[in-house]
Amino acid sequence: MGTTATQPSLWDRSRQAVVASIFDTAMRLFAEQGYEATTIAQIAKEAGISQRSLFRYFGTKEDIVCGDQEELGELLRATVEAQPAAATPWEALRAGFEALMEAHGEPGQLLEITALIFDTPPLRARYTQKRLRWQEMVLPAVTARMAAGKGSGPGRGPVSELRAAAVTATVFACVDAATEAWVRGGGSADLAALYDEALAAVRG
């Protein structure tokens, strides 16, 4: 029988198992000896694979923590595009980030990953770089939604890419502010509520 969309193939399951093993091993080593002191060679040895094999799954040490940011960016873009026509750009982007939170799995794992990123300068730099790429990926969808009449008011003229970029950048800034507050609070608060609070402050 063929593999259905809801049933991962044996290859997919095997790949997921290896990725999870590498991730768990790396996070344990980072916790034990620090991110900077941990090498790819150590991670591969502890995970029971060769460095060459590890690089088939992760291009860099940063990618083990940050994940496939291009894939996540595509998820964000697709989710924004899939929102109902009546949804404003703010609502569509919020839905996109909710999808990203769900994609990260358990909140505890997301907290562990995000705390490590925020506390490690090389990871923070890589994270920031890829977040800028996300903004580029989602900008056309936001521009199109605003051009369709959502998010623009009477007398404000045609939607420009500048205005769409400003909306997108504002949402990303609010997400980052909320996420940092969430991490500093040990994950005790509701991340979505923190985002709503941050966005409300910006929008007045």
N, C-alpha and C. Protein backbone atom coordinates (compact mmCIF):
# COMPACT_ATOMS: atom_id res chain seq x y z
N MET A 1 0.84 -1.20 0.00
CA MET A 1 0.00 0.00 0.00
C MET A 1 0.87 1.25 0.00
N GLY A 2 0.41 2.31 -0.64
CA GLY A 2 1.17 3.54 -0.68
C GLY A 2 1.10 4.29 0.63
N THR A 3 2.05 5.18 0.85
CA THR A 3 2.09 5.98 2.06
C THR A 3 1.15 7.17 1.91
N THR A 4 0.29 7.41 2.87
CA THR A 4 -0.63 8.54 2.81
C THR A 4 0.04 9.76 3.40
N ALA A 5 -0.63 10.91 3.22
CA ALA A 5 -0.07 12.17 3.71
C ALA A 5 0.03 12.19 5.22
N THR A 6 -0.82 11.41 5.90
CA THR A 6 -0.83 11.42 7.36
C THR A 6 0.03 10.31 7.95
N GLN A 7 0.64 9.50 7.07
CA GLN A 7 1.48 8.40 7.54
C GLN A 7 2.89 8.57 6.99
N PRO A 8 3.83 9.07 7.81
CA PRO A 8 5.19 9.25 7.34
C PRO A 8 5.79 7.93 6.88
N SER A 9 6.61 7.99 5.86
CA SER A 9 7.27 6.79 5.37
C SER A 9 8.32 6.32 6.38
N LEU A 10 8.79 5.11 6.18
CA LEU A 10 9.82 4.57 7.07
C LEU A 10 11.06 5.46 7.03
N TRP A 11 11.38 5.98 5.85
CA TRP A 11 12.54 6.86 5.72
C TRP A 11 12.33 8.14 6.53
N ASP A 12 11.13 8.70 6.44
CA ASP A 12 10.82 9.91 7.19
C ASP A 12 10.93 9.68 8.69
N ARG A 13 10.38 8.54 9.14
CA ARG A 13 10.44 8.24 10.58
C ARG A 13 11.86 8.03 11.04
N SER A 14 12.66 7.38 10.21
CA SER A 14 14.07 7.15 10.56
C SER A 14 14.82 8.47 10.63
N ARG A 15 14.55 9.34 9.67
CA ARG A 15 15.21 10.64 9.66
C ARG A 15 14.83 11.45 10.89
N GLN A 16 13.53 11.44 11.23
CA GLN A 16 13.06 12.17 12.40
C GLN A 16 13.72 11.65 13.68
N ALA A 17 13.91 10.34 13.75
CA ALA A 17 14.54 9.74 14.93
C ALA A 17 15.99 10.18 15.06
N VAL A 18 16.70 10.23 13.93
CA VAL A 18 18.10 10.65 13.96
C VAL A 18 18.20 12.12 14.33
N VAL A 19 17.35 12.94 13.73
CA VAL A 19 17.34 14.38 14.04
C VAL A 19 17.07 14.60 15.52
N ALA A 20 16.10 13.88 16.07
CA ALA A 20 15.77 14.02 17.49
C ALA A 20 16.93 13.58 18.37
N SER A 21 17.61 12.51 17.97
CA SER A 21 18.76 12.02 18.74
C SER A 21 19.89 13.04 18.75
N ILE A 22 20.17 13.62 17.59
CA ILE A 22 21.23 14.63 17.51
C ILE A 22 20.87 15.84 18.35
N PHE A 23 19.62 16.29 18.23
CA PHE A 23 19.17 17.46 18.99
C PHE A 23 19.27 17.21 20.49
N ASP A 24 18.76 16.09 20.96
CA ASP A 24 18.79 15.78 22.39
C ASP A 24 20.21 15.68 22.91
N THR A 25 21.08 15.06 22.11
CA THR A 25 22.48 14.93 22.51
C THR A 25 23.14 16.30 22.60
N ALA A 26 22.90 17.13 21.59
CA ALA A 26 23.50 18.46 21.57
C ALA A 26 23.02 19.30 22.74
N MET A 27 21.73 19.30 23.02
CA MET A 27 21.19 20.11 24.11
C MET A 27 21.75 19.64 25.46
N ARG A 28 21.95 18.33 25.60
CA ARG A 28 22.53 17.81 26.85
C ARG A 28 23.97 18.31 27.01
N LEU A 29 24.73 18.25 25.92
CA LEU A 29 26.13 18.70 25.98
C LEU A 29 26.21 20.21 26.21
N PHE A 30 25.32 20.96 25.58
CA PHE A 30 25.31 22.41 25.78
C PHE A 30 25.04 22.73 27.25
N ALA A 31 24.12 21.99 27.86
CA ALA A 31 23.78 22.22 29.26
C ALA A 31 24.93 21.83 30.18
N GLU A 32 25.66 20.78 29.82
CA GLU A 32 26.74 20.28 30.67
C GLU A 32 28.01 21.12 30.59
N GLN A 33 28.36 21.56 29.37
CA GLN A 33 29.66 22.22 29.21
C GLN A 33 29.61 23.55 28.48
N GLY A 34 28.41 23.99 28.12
CA GLY A 34 28.27 25.27 27.44
C GLY A 34 28.26 25.12 25.93
N TYR A 35 27.58 26.05 25.28
CA TYR A 35 27.45 25.98 23.82
C TYR A 35 28.80 26.14 23.13
N GLU A 36 29.55 27.17 23.53
CA GLU A 36 30.82 27.46 22.86
C GLU A 36 31.83 26.32 22.99
N ALA A 37 31.82 25.65 24.15
CA ALA A 37 32.81 24.59 24.40
C ALA A 37 32.45 23.27 23.72
N THR A 38 31.25 23.15 23.25
CA THR A 38 30.81 21.91 22.62
C THR A 38 31.10 21.94 21.12
N THR A 39 31.71 20.90 20.63
CA THR A 39 32.06 20.84 19.20
C THR A 39 31.13 19.88 18.45
N ILE A 40 31.11 20.07 17.15
CA ILE A 40 30.36 19.16 16.29
C ILE A 40 30.87 17.74 16.45
N ALA A 41 32.19 17.59 16.56
CA ALA A 41 32.78 16.26 16.71
C ALA A 41 32.26 15.57 17.96
N GLN A 42 32.15 16.31 19.06
CA GLN A 42 31.63 15.74 20.30
C GLN A 42 30.17 15.32 20.15
N ILE A 43 29.39 16.18 19.52
CA ILE A 43 27.97 15.88 19.34
C ILE A 43 27.80 14.61 18.51
N ALA A 44 28.55 14.52 17.40
CA ALA A 44 28.46 13.35 16.53
C ALA A 44 28.87 12.08 17.28
N LYS A 45 29.97 12.15 18.03
CA LYS A 45 30.44 10.98 18.77
C LYS A 45 29.42 10.52 19.80
N GLU A 46 28.87 11.48 20.56
CA GLU A 46 27.89 11.14 21.59
C GLU A 46 26.60 10.59 20.98
N ALA A 47 26.26 11.08 19.78
CA ALA A 47 25.04 10.62 19.10
C ALA A 47 25.25 9.30 18.37
N GLY A 48 26.52 8.86 18.30
CA GLY A 48 26.82 7.58 17.66
C GLY A 48 26.82 7.61 16.15
N ILE A 49 27.15 8.79 15.58
CA ILE A 49 27.22 8.90 14.13
C ILE A 49 28.50 9.63 13.74
N SER A 50 28.81 9.63 12.46
CA SER A 50 29.99 10.35 11.99
C SER A 50 29.65 11.83 11.79
N GLN A 51 30.69 12.65 11.76
CA GLN A 51 30.46 14.08 11.51
C GLN A 51 29.83 14.27 10.13
N ARG A 52 30.27 13.46 9.17
CA ARG A 52 29.72 13.56 7.81
C ARG A 52 28.22 13.28 7.83
N SER A 53 27.82 12.28 8.60
CA SER A 53 26.39 11.96 8.70
C SER A 53 25.62 13.09 9.38
N LEU A 54 26.23 13.67 10.41
CA LEU A 54 25.56 14.77 11.11
C LEU A 54 25.29 15.93 10.16
N PHE A 55 26.26 16.20 9.29
CA PHE A 55 26.09 17.33 8.38
C PHE A 55 25.01 17.08 7.31
N ARG A 56 24.56 15.85 7.19
CA ARG A 56 23.44 15.59 6.28
C ARG A 56 22.13 16.13 6.86
N TYR A 57 22.12 16.28 8.17
CA TYR A 57 20.89 16.73 8.85
C TYR A 57 20.97 18.19 9.29
N PHE A 58 22.17 18.64 9.63
CA PHE A 58 22.35 20.01 10.11
C PHE A 58 23.60 20.58 9.46
N GLY A 59 23.45 21.76 8.83
CA GLY A 59 24.59 22.36 8.15
C GLY A 59 25.62 22.94 9.10
N THR A 60 25.17 23.43 10.26
CA THR A 60 26.06 24.04 11.24
C THR A 60 25.61 23.68 12.65
N LYS A 61 26.44 23.99 13.62
CA LYS A 61 26.06 23.78 15.02
C LYS A 61 24.88 24.66 15.38
N GLU A 62 24.85 25.87 14.84
CA GLU A 62 23.73 26.77 15.10
C GLU A 62 22.40 26.19 14.63
N ASP A 63 22.44 25.48 13.50
CA ASP A 63 21.21 24.92 12.95
C ASP A 63 20.61 23.83 13.84
N ILE A 64 21.43 23.18 14.64
CA ILE A 64 20.90 22.16 15.55
C ILE A 64 19.93 22.81 16.53
N VAL A 65 20.26 24.02 16.96
CA VAL A 65 19.41 24.73 17.92
C VAL A 65 18.29 25.48 17.21
N CYS A 66 18.63 26.23 16.19
CA CYS A 66 17.67 27.12 15.54
C CYS A 66 16.73 26.38 14.60
N GLY A 67 17.09 25.18 14.19
CA GLY A 67 16.22 24.42 13.31
C GLY A 67 16.31 24.89 11.87
N ASP A 68 15.45 24.33 11.04
CA ASP A 68 15.40 24.69 9.62
C ASP A 68 14.58 25.97 9.49
N GLN A 69 15.24 27.09 9.57
CA GLN A 69 14.54 28.37 9.57
C GLN A 69 13.87 28.67 8.24
N GLU A 70 14.43 28.15 7.14
CA GLU A 70 13.80 28.37 5.85
C GLU A 70 12.45 27.66 5.80
N GLU A 71 12.42 26.44 6.33
CA GLU A 71 11.16 25.68 6.36
C GLU A 71 10.13 26.37 7.26
N LEU A 72 10.59 26.87 8.40
CA LEU A 72 9.67 27.57 9.30
C LEU A 72 9.17 28.87 8.66
N GLY A 73 10.06 29.54 7.93
CA GLY A 73 9.64 30.75 7.23
C GLY A 73 8.57 30.46 6.19
N GLU A 74 8.70 29.33 5.52
CA GLU A 74 7.69 28.92 4.54
C GLU A 74 6.36 28.63 5.23
N LEU A 75 6.43 28.04 6.42
CA LEU A 75 5.21 27.77 7.18
C LEU A 75 4.53 29.09 7.55
N LEU A 76 5.32 30.07 7.98
CA LEU A 76 4.76 31.38 8.33
C LEU A 76 4.10 32.01 7.12
N ARG A 77 4.81 32.03 6.01
CA ARG A 77 4.27 32.64 4.79
C ARG A 77 2.97 31.95 4.35
N ALA A 78 3.00 30.62 4.31
CA ALA A 78 1.83 29.87 3.86
C ALA A 78 0.63 30.08 4.78
N THR A 79 0.89 30.17 6.08
CA THR A 79 -0.21 30.37 7.02
C THR A 79 -0.83 31.75 6.85
N VAL A 80 0.01 32.77 6.67
CA VAL A 80 -0.51 34.12 6.45
C VAL A 80 -1.35 34.16 5.17
N GLU A 81 -0.86 33.54 4.12
CA GLU A 81 -1.58 33.54 2.85
C GLU A 81 -2.91 32.79 2.95
N ALA A 82 -2.96 31.78 3.82
CA ALA A 82 -4.15 30.93 3.91
C ALA A 82 -5.27 31.52 4.77
N GLN A 83 -5.01 32.64 5.44
CA GLN A 83 -6.04 33.21 6.31
C GLN A 83 -7.20 33.77 5.48
N PRO A 84 -8.40 33.79 6.07
CA PRO A 84 -9.57 34.30 5.34
C PRO A 84 -9.35 35.73 4.85
N ALA A 85 -10.04 36.08 3.77
CA ALA A 85 -9.88 37.42 3.19
C ALA A 85 -10.25 38.52 4.18
N ALA A 86 -11.15 38.21 5.10
CA ALA A 86 -11.60 39.22 6.07
C ALA A 86 -10.56 39.49 7.15
N ALA A 87 -9.55 38.63 7.27
CA ALA A 87 -8.53 38.81 8.31
C ALA A 87 -7.62 39.98 7.98
N THR A 88 -7.34 40.82 8.97
CA THR A 88 -6.42 41.93 8.76
C THR A 88 -4.99 41.39 8.71
N PRO A 89 -4.03 42.20 8.23
CA PRO A 89 -2.64 41.76 8.27
C PRO A 89 -2.18 41.39 9.68
N TRP A 90 -2.65 42.15 10.68
CA TRP A 90 -2.27 41.86 12.06
C TRP A 90 -2.77 40.48 12.48
N GLU A 91 -4.01 40.18 12.12
CA GLU A 91 -4.60 38.89 12.47
C GLU A 91 -3.93 37.75 11.71
N ALA A 92 -3.63 37.98 10.44
CA ALA A 92 -3.00 36.94 9.63
C ALA A 92 -1.59 36.61 10.14
N LEU A 93 -0.84 37.64 10.51
CA LEU A 93 0.50 37.42 11.03
C LEU A 93 0.46 36.74 12.39
N ARG A 94 -0.51 37.09 13.21
CA ARG A 94 -0.65 36.43 14.51
C ARG A 94 -0.90 34.94 14.31
N ALA A 95 -1.77 34.61 13.35
CA ALA A 95 -2.05 33.21 13.06
C ALA A 95 -0.78 32.49 12.58
N GLY A 96 0.03 33.21 11.82
CA GLY A 96 1.29 32.62 11.35
C GLY A 96 2.21 32.27 12.49
N PHE A 97 2.33 33.17 13.46
CA PHE A 97 3.22 32.89 14.59
C PHE A 97 2.64 31.82 15.52
N GLU A 98 1.32 31.72 15.59
CA GLU A 98 0.72 30.63 16.35
C GLU A 98 1.09 29.29 15.72
N ALA A 99 1.10 29.25 14.39
CA ALA A 99 1.48 28.02 13.68
C ALA A 99 2.94 27.66 13.97
N LEU A 100 3.80 28.67 14.06
CA LEU A 100 5.21 28.40 14.36
C LEU A 100 5.37 27.85 15.78
N MET A 101 4.61 28.39 16.73
CA MET A 101 4.69 27.88 18.10
C MET A 101 4.26 26.42 18.17
N GLU A 102 3.20 26.08 17.42
CA GLU A 102 2.74 24.70 17.39
C GLU A 102 3.79 23.79 16.75
N ALA A 103 4.48 24.31 15.74
CA ALA A 103 5.49 23.51 15.04
C ALA A 103 6.67 23.17 15.94
N HIS A 104 6.92 23.98 16.96
CA HIS A 104 8.03 23.73 17.87
C HIS A 104 7.71 22.65 18.90
N GLY A 105 6.47 22.20 18.94
CA GLY A 105 6.13 21.12 19.85
C GLY A 105 5.87 21.60 21.26
N GLU A 106 6.40 20.85 22.23
CA GLU A 106 6.13 21.13 23.63
C GLU A 106 6.68 22.49 24.05
N PRO A 107 5.90 23.26 24.84
CA PRO A 107 6.38 24.57 25.32
C PRO A 107 7.70 24.47 26.07
N GLY A 108 7.89 23.37 26.81
CA GLY A 108 9.14 23.21 27.55
C GLY A 108 10.35 23.16 26.65
N GLN A 109 10.21 22.48 25.51
CA GLN A 109 11.32 22.40 24.56
C GLN A 109 11.56 23.75 23.91
N LEU A 110 10.47 24.43 23.55
CA LEU A 110 10.60 25.77 22.97
C LEU A 110 11.29 26.72 23.93
N LEU A 111 10.94 26.62 25.21
CA LEU A 111 11.57 27.48 26.22
C LEU A 111 13.06 27.19 26.33
N GLU A 112 13.42 25.91 26.33
CA GLU A 112 14.83 25.53 26.43
C GLU A 112 15.63 26.05 25.24
N ILE A 113 15.07 25.89 24.04
CA ILE A 113 15.75 26.34 22.83
C ILE A 113 15.90 27.86 22.82
N THR A 114 14.80 28.55 23.11
CA THR A 114 14.81 30.02 23.04
C THR A 114 15.72 30.63 24.09
N ALA A 115 15.73 30.06 25.28
CA ALA A 115 16.62 30.57 26.33
C ALA A 115 18.08 30.44 25.91
N LEU A 116 18.41 29.31 25.30
CA LEU A 116 19.79 29.10 24.83
C LEU A 116 20.15 30.11 23.74
N ILE A 117 19.21 30.34 22.82
CA ILE A 117 19.47 31.31 21.75
C ILE A 117 19.71 32.71 22.31
N PHE A 118 18.84 33.14 23.22
CA PHE A 118 18.94 34.49 23.76
C PHE A 118 20.20 34.67 24.61
N ASP A 119 20.70 33.61 25.20
CA ASP A 119 21.86 33.71 26.09
C ASP A 119 23.19 33.44 25.39
N THR A 120 23.15 33.13 24.09
CA THR A 120 24.37 32.77 23.36
C THR A 120 24.52 33.71 22.16
N PRO A 121 25.47 34.66 22.21
CA PRO A 121 25.61 35.65 21.14
C PRO A 121 25.66 35.09 19.71
N PRO A 122 26.45 34.02 19.42
CA PRO A 122 26.45 33.52 18.05
C PRO A 122 25.09 33.01 17.60
N LEU A 123 24.36 32.38 18.52
CA LEU A 123 23.03 31.88 18.19
C LEU A 123 22.06 33.04 18.00
N ARG A 124 22.18 34.05 18.84
CA ARG A 124 21.30 35.21 18.74
C ARG A 124 21.51 35.91 17.40
N ALA A 125 22.76 35.99 16.97
CA ALA A 125 23.07 36.63 15.70
C ALA A 125 22.48 35.83 14.53
N ARG A 126 22.61 34.51 14.60
CA ARG A 126 22.08 33.66 13.54
C ARG A 126 20.54 33.74 13.52
N TYR A 127 19.96 33.74 14.69
CA TYR A 127 18.51 33.85 14.85
C TYR A 127 18.00 35.16 14.24
N THR A 128 18.68 36.26 14.54
CA THR A 128 18.29 37.57 14.02
C THR A 128 18.39 37.61 12.50
N GLN A 129 19.48 37.04 11.99
CA GLN A 129 19.69 37.01 10.54
C GLN A 129 18.56 36.27 9.84
N LYS A 130 18.17 35.15 10.39
CA LYS A 130 17.14 34.35 9.74
C LYS A 130 15.75 34.96 9.93
N ARG A 131 15.55 35.66 11.02
CA ARG A 131 14.26 36.33 11.21
C ARG A 131 14.07 37.43 10.16
N LEU A 132 15.15 38.10 9.80
CA LEU A 132 15.07 39.10 8.73
C LEU A 132 14.67 38.44 7.42
N ARG A 133 15.17 37.24 7.21
CA ARG A 133 14.79 36.48 6.02
C ARG A 133 13.30 36.15 6.06
N TRP A 134 12.77 35.81 7.23
CA TRP A 134 11.33 35.55 7.37
C TRP A 134 10.52 36.77 6.96
N GLN A 135 10.97 37.94 7.37
CA GLN A 135 10.24 39.17 7.03
C GLN A 135 10.19 39.34 5.51
N GLU A 136 11.28 39.05 4.84
CA GLU A 136 11.31 39.14 3.38
C GLU A 136 10.34 38.15 2.76
N MET A 137 10.28 36.95 3.34
CA MET A 137 9.42 35.90 2.78
C MET A 137 7.94 36.23 2.92
N VAL A 138 7.57 36.85 4.04
CA VAL A 138 6.15 37.09 4.31
C VAL A 138 5.67 38.44 3.78
N LEU A 139 6.59 39.33 3.44
CA LEU A 139 6.21 40.68 3.02
C LEU A 139 5.25 40.71 1.82
N PRO A 140 5.46 39.91 0.77
CA PRO A 140 4.52 39.97 -0.35
C PRO A 140 3.09 39.62 0.06
N ALA A 141 2.93 38.66 0.97
CA ALA A 141 1.59 38.27 1.43
C ALA A 141 0.94 39.40 2.22
N VAL A 142 1.73 40.10 3.03
CA VAL A 142 1.20 41.21 3.81
C VAL A 142 0.84 42.37 2.88
N THR A 143 1.69 42.64 1.92
CA THR A 143 1.43 43.71 0.96
C THR A 143 0.14 43.44 0.19
N ALA A 144 -0.02 42.21 -0.27
CA ALA A 144 -1.22 41.84 -1.03
C ALA A 144 -2.47 41.96 -0.18
N ARG A 145 -2.38 41.58 1.07
CA ARG A 145 -3.55 41.65 1.95
C ARG A 145 -3.92 43.11 2.22
N MET A 146 -2.93 43.95 2.43
CA MET A 146 -3.21 45.37 2.65
C MET A 146 -3.74 46.03 1.38
N ALA A 147 -3.23 45.62 0.23
CA ALA A 147 -3.68 46.19 -1.04
C ALA A 147 -5.12 45.82 -1.33
N ALA A 148 -5.56 44.68 -0.76
CA ALA A 148 -6.94 44.24 -0.96
C ALA A 148 -7.91 45.03 -0.09
N GLY A 149 -7.37 45.95 0.71
CA GLY A 149 -8.23 46.81 1.52
C GLY A 149 -8.19 46.52 2.99
N LYS A 150 -7.43 45.49 3.40
CA LYS A 150 -7.33 45.16 4.82
C LYS A 150 -6.12 45.89 5.41
N GLY A 151 -6.41 46.69 6.42
CA GLY A 151 -5.32 47.39 7.09
C GLY A 151 -5.08 48.78 6.57
N SER A 152 -5.82 49.21 5.55
CA SER A 152 -5.67 50.58 5.05
C SER A 152 -6.96 51.35 5.33
N GLY A 153 -6.83 52.61 5.67
CA GLY A 153 -8.00 53.41 6.03
C GLY A 153 -8.33 54.43 4.97
N PRO A 154 -9.49 55.09 5.09
CA PRO A 154 -9.92 56.11 4.13
C PRO A 154 -8.91 57.25 4.03
N GLY A 155 -8.64 57.65 2.83
CA GLY A 155 -7.76 58.79 2.62
C GLY A 155 -6.29 58.51 2.81
N ARG A 156 -5.94 57.23 3.00
CA ARG A 156 -4.53 56.93 3.25
C ARG A 156 -3.78 56.57 1.99
N GLY A 157 -4.49 56.50 0.86
CA GLY A 157 -3.83 56.25 -0.41
C GLY A 157 -3.51 54.78 -0.62
N PRO A 158 -2.89 54.45 -1.76
CA PRO A 158 -2.57 53.06 -2.08
C PRO A 158 -1.55 52.49 -1.10
N VAL A 159 -1.61 51.20 -0.95
CA VAL A 159 -0.67 50.52 -0.06
C VAL A 159 0.71 50.48 -0.70
N SER A 160 1.72 50.87 0.02
CA SER A 160 3.09 50.79 -0.47
C SER A 160 3.80 49.66 0.25
N GLU A 161 4.88 49.20 -0.36
CA GLU A 161 5.66 48.14 0.28
C GLU A 161 6.26 48.64 1.59
N LEU A 162 6.52 49.95 1.67
CA LEU A 162 7.05 50.53 2.90
C LEU A 162 6.07 50.34 4.05
N ARG A 163 4.79 50.64 3.80
CA ARG A 163 3.79 50.49 4.85
C ARG A 163 3.64 49.02 5.26
N ALA A 164 3.64 48.13 4.27
CA ALA A 164 3.54 46.70 4.57
C ALA A 164 4.77 46.23 5.35
N ALA A 165 5.94 46.75 4.99
CA ALA A 165 7.16 46.38 5.70
C ALA A 165 7.12 46.88 7.13
N ALA A 166 6.52 48.06 7.33
CA ALA A 166 6.42 48.61 8.68
C ALA A 166 5.52 47.75 9.55
N VAL A 167 4.38 47.32 9.00
CA VAL A 167 3.48 46.43 9.74
C VAL A 167 4.18 45.12 10.08
N THR A 168 4.86 44.55 9.10
CA THR A 168 5.55 43.27 9.31
C THR A 168 6.64 43.41 10.37
N ALA A 169 7.44 44.45 10.26
CA ALA A 169 8.52 44.65 11.23
C ALA A 169 7.97 44.88 12.64
N THR A 170 6.84 45.58 12.73
CA THR A 170 6.22 45.82 14.04
C THR A 170 5.80 44.51 14.69
N VAL A 171 5.18 43.64 13.91
CA VAL A 171 4.76 42.35 14.43
C VAL A 171 5.96 41.53 14.90
N PHE A 172 7.01 41.50 14.10
CA PHE A 172 8.20 40.74 14.49
C PHE A 172 8.81 41.30 15.77
N ALA A 173 8.84 42.64 15.89
CA ALA A 173 9.40 43.25 17.10
C ALA A 173 8.57 42.88 18.32
N CYS A 174 7.25 42.85 18.16
CA CYS A 174 6.38 42.49 19.28
C CYS A 174 6.54 41.02 19.65
N VAL A 175 6.71 40.18 18.66
CA VAL A 175 6.96 38.75 18.91
C VAL A 175 8.26 38.58 19.69
N ASP A 176 9.30 39.28 19.28
CA ASP A 176 10.58 39.17 19.97
C ASP A 176 10.50 39.69 21.40
N ALA A 177 9.82 40.83 21.59
CA ALA A 177 9.68 41.39 22.94
C ALA A 177 8.90 40.44 23.84
N ALA A 178 7.82 39.88 23.31
CA ALA A 178 7.00 38.95 24.09
C ALA A 178 7.78 37.68 24.40
N THR A 179 8.52 37.19 23.42
CA THR A 179 9.28 35.95 23.62
C THR A 179 10.36 36.13 24.67
N GLU A 180 11.04 37.27 24.62
CA GLU A 180 12.09 37.51 25.62
C GLU A 180 11.48 37.61 27.01
N ALA A 181 10.34 38.30 27.15
CA ALA A 181 9.68 38.39 28.45
C ALA A 181 9.25 37.01 28.93
N TRP A 182 8.80 36.20 28.01
CA TRP A 182 8.36 34.84 28.32
C TRP A 182 9.52 34.00 28.84
N VAL A 183 10.66 34.12 28.17
CA VAL A 183 11.85 33.36 28.58
C VAL A 183 12.35 33.83 29.94
N ARG A 184 12.42 35.15 30.12
CA ARG A 184 12.92 35.69 31.39
C ARG A 184 11.99 35.33 32.55
N GLY A 185 10.74 35.08 32.24
CA GLY A 185 9.79 34.68 33.28
C GLY A 185 9.73 33.18 33.46
N GLY A 186 10.65 32.47 32.82
CA GLY A 186 10.69 31.02 32.98
C GLY A 186 9.54 30.29 32.32
N GLY A 187 8.90 30.93 31.36
CA GLY A 187 7.81 30.30 30.65
C GLY A 187 6.51 30.24 31.43
N SER A 188 6.43 31.02 32.51
CA SER A 188 5.23 30.95 33.37
C SER A 188 4.03 31.69 32.78
N ALA A 189 4.29 32.69 31.95
CA ALA A 189 3.20 33.47 31.36
C ALA A 189 2.74 32.84 30.05
N ASP A 190 1.62 33.30 29.55
CA ASP A 190 1.11 32.85 28.27
C ASP A 190 1.76 33.67 27.17
N LEU A 191 2.48 33.02 26.29
CA LEU A 191 3.24 33.73 25.26
C LEU A 191 2.33 34.53 24.33
N ALA A 192 1.20 33.96 23.95
CA ALA A 192 0.28 34.68 23.06
C ALA A 192 -0.27 35.93 23.73
N ALA A 193 -0.56 35.83 25.03
CA ALA A 193 -1.07 36.99 25.76
C ALA A 193 -0.01 38.08 25.85
N LEU A 194 1.24 37.69 26.03
CA LEU A 194 2.34 38.66 26.06
C LEU A 194 2.47 39.37 24.72
N TYR A 195 2.31 38.61 23.65
CA TYR A 195 2.36 39.22 22.32
C TYR A 195 1.24 40.23 22.14
N ASP A 196 0.02 39.84 22.52
CA ASP A 196 -1.12 40.75 22.39
C ASP A 196 -0.89 42.04 23.19
N GLU A 197 -0.29 41.89 24.37
CA GLU A 197 0.00 43.07 25.19
C GLU A 197 1.01 43.98 24.51
N ALA A 198 2.05 43.37 23.94
CA ALA A 198 3.09 44.15 23.26
C ALA A 198 2.52 44.88 22.05
N LEU A 199 1.70 44.18 21.27
CA LEU A 199 1.13 44.79 20.08
C LEU A 199 0.15 45.91 20.44
N ALA A 200 -0.62 45.70 21.51
CA ALA A 200 -1.56 46.73 21.94
C ALA A 200 -0.82 48.00 22.35
N ALA A 201 0.34 47.85 22.97
CA ALA A 201 1.13 49.01 23.37
C ALA A 201 1.61 49.80 22.16
N VAL A 202 1.99 49.08 21.11
CA VAL A 202 2.50 49.75 19.92
C VAL A 202 1.36 50.43 19.14
N ARG A 203 0.23 49.75 19.07
CA ARG A 203 -0.88 50.27 18.27
C ARG A 203 -1.73 51.30 19.04
N GLY A 204 -1.45 51.43 20.35
CA GLY A 204 -2.15 52.44 21.13
C GLY A 204 -3.58 52.06 21.45
